Amino acid sequence: MAIEKDRIDVKKTLAYGSLAGLWVVIAVIALQGLFNSSEASLESGRLATAPATMGTVAKAEQQARLMEFRWADKQSGRLILPIDDAMRVVVDEAATPIADSTDGKLGR
């Protein structure tokens, strides 16, 4: 009694696999094109019909608050200032030598 082994037809398997891979690539490209075209049409419709929304107004208000000086806590002397000005203050403070009162040497 001889045992017969199942043979796999490699050529057919590769052909079916390649065909399936090709279909996947075609489907992905088609879906990407459909998505891009629908997104573009939605954006153009939104931009043409929608005036400034509450979101853009709120963002403008937030930007204005970030650019103003104000007290965070007046009693403790904490001030809120724009980041560019705060960085400039830190650099200026680092560049200014401070005299040490105990030995008369410069240092921080």
Protein backbone atom coordinates (compact mmCIF):
# COMPACT_ATOMS: atom_id res chain seq x y z
CA MET A 1 0.00 0.00 0.00
CA ALA A 2 1.54 3.21 -1.14
CA ILE A 3 0.54 6.42 0.52
CA GLU A 4 -0.30 9.12 -1.94
CA LYS A 5 0.65 12.63 -0.98
CA ASP A 6 -1.49 15.54 -2.00
CA ARG A 7 0.25 17.70 -4.51
CA ILE A 8 -0.17 21.44 -4.44
CA ASP A 9 -0.29 23.05 -7.83
CA VAL A 10 2.13 25.92 -7.24
CA LYS A 11 1.42 27.62 -10.58
CA LYS A 12 -2.33 27.77 -9.97
CA THR A 13 -1.81 28.97 -6.39
CA LEU A 14 0.51 31.76 -7.53
CA ALA A 15 -1.86 32.72 -10.33
CA TYR A 16 -4.88 32.94 -7.98
CA GLY A 17 -2.85 34.80 -5.36
CA SER A 18 -1.55 37.29 -7.90
CA LEU A 19 -5.04 37.84 -9.27
CA ALA A 20 -6.43 38.38 -5.79
CA GLY A 21 -3.62 40.82 -4.96
CA LEU A 22 -4.27 42.74 -8.16
CA TRP A 23 -7.98 43.02 -7.28
CA VAL A 24 -7.08 44.34 -3.82
CA VAL A 25 -4.76 46.99 -5.30
CA ILE A 26 -7.43 48.05 -7.83
CA ALA A 27 -10.07 48.26 -5.08
CA VAL A 28 -7.82 50.34 -2.83
CA ILE A 29 -6.99 52.77 -5.63
CA ALA A 30 -10.66 53.09 -6.60
CA LEU A 31 -11.79 53.67 -3.01
CA GLN A 32 -9.03 56.23 -2.43
CA GLY A 33 -10.07 58.13 -5.56
CA LEU A 34 -13.71 58.05 -4.49
CA PHE A 35 -12.82 59.28 -1.01
CA ASN A 36 -10.64 62.12 -2.32
CA SER A 37 -13.25 63.31 -4.80
CA SER A 38 -16.06 63.27 -2.24
CA GLU A 39 -13.90 65.02 0.37
CA ALA A 40 -12.94 67.74 -2.11
CA SER A 41 -16.56 68.35 -3.08
CA LEU A 42 -17.59 68.55 0.58
CA GLU A 43 -14.81 71.03 1.36
CA SER A 44 -15.64 73.27 -1.58
CA GLY A 45 -19.32 73.27 -0.62
CA ARG A 46 -18.52 74.04 3.01
CA LEU A 47 -16.14 76.86 2.18
CA ALA A 48 -18.50 78.46 -0.30
CA THR A 49 -21.58 78.45 1.93
CA ALA A 50 -20.31 78.71 5.50
CA PRO A 51 -19.38 82.12 6.87
CA ALA A 52 -17.22 82.47 9.97
CA THR A 53 -18.49 79.91 12.43
CA MET A 54 -18.43 80.00 16.18
CA GLY A 55 -15.31 77.83 16.09
CA THR A 56 -13.33 80.38 14.13
CA VAL A 57 -14.61 83.20 16.33
CA ALA A 58 -13.63 81.28 19.47
CA LYS A 59 -10.20 80.56 18.03
CA ALA A 60 -9.68 84.24 17.25
CA GLU A 61 -10.68 85.14 20.82
CA GLN A 62 -8.24 82.57 22.20
CA GLN A 63 -5.43 83.91 20.02
CA ALA A 64 -6.16 87.44 21.23
CA ARG A 65 -6.02 86.30 24.87
CA LEU A 66 -2.68 84.60 24.25
CA MET A 67 -1.21 87.84 22.92
CA GLU A 68 -2.20 90.11 25.83
CA PHE A 69 -0.60 90.94 29.15
CA ARG A 70 -2.74 90.32 32.26
CA TRP A 71 -2.45 89.43 35.89
CA ALA A 72 -2.74 85.75 36.79
CA ASP A 73 -2.60 86.67 40.49
CA LYS A 74 -1.98 90.33 41.27
CA GLN A 75 -1.36 89.75 44.98
CA SER A 76 1.44 87.25 44.37
CA GLY A 77 2.79 89.25 41.42
CA ARG A 78 2.22 86.54 38.79
CA LEU A 79 1.78 87.94 35.31
CA ILE A 80 0.58 86.26 32.11
CA LEU A 81 2.43 87.47 29.02
CA PRO A 82 2.88 86.25 25.44
CA ILE A 83 5.42 83.44 25.02
CA ASP A 84 7.72 85.51 22.78
CA ASP A 85 7.95 88.21 25.43
CA ALA A 86 8.45 85.62 28.18
CA MET A 87 11.34 84.03 26.27
CA ARG A 88 12.91 87.45 25.76
CA VAL A 89 12.67 88.15 29.53
CA VAL A 90 14.31 84.80 30.36
CA VAL A 91 17.17 85.45 27.92
CA ASP A 92 17.69 88.97 29.25
CA GLU A 93 17.74 87.69 32.84
CA ALA A 94 20.24 84.97 31.95
CA ALA A 95 22.52 87.52 30.26
CA THR A 96 22.47 89.94 33.20
CA PRO A 97 25.06 89.10 35.89
CA ILE A 98 23.84 89.21 39.48
CA ALA A 99 26.20 90.12 42.32
CA ASP A 100 26.31 87.68 45.20
CA SER A 101 25.89 89.64 48.43
CA THR A 102 27.99 87.28 50.58
CA ASP A 103 31.33 87.26 48.78
CA GLY A 104 31.02 90.03 46.17
CA LYS A 105 31.51 87.62 43.26
CA LEU A 106 29.22 87.50 40.26
CA GLY A 107 26.94 84.52 39.89
CA ARG A 108 23.43 83.23 39.96
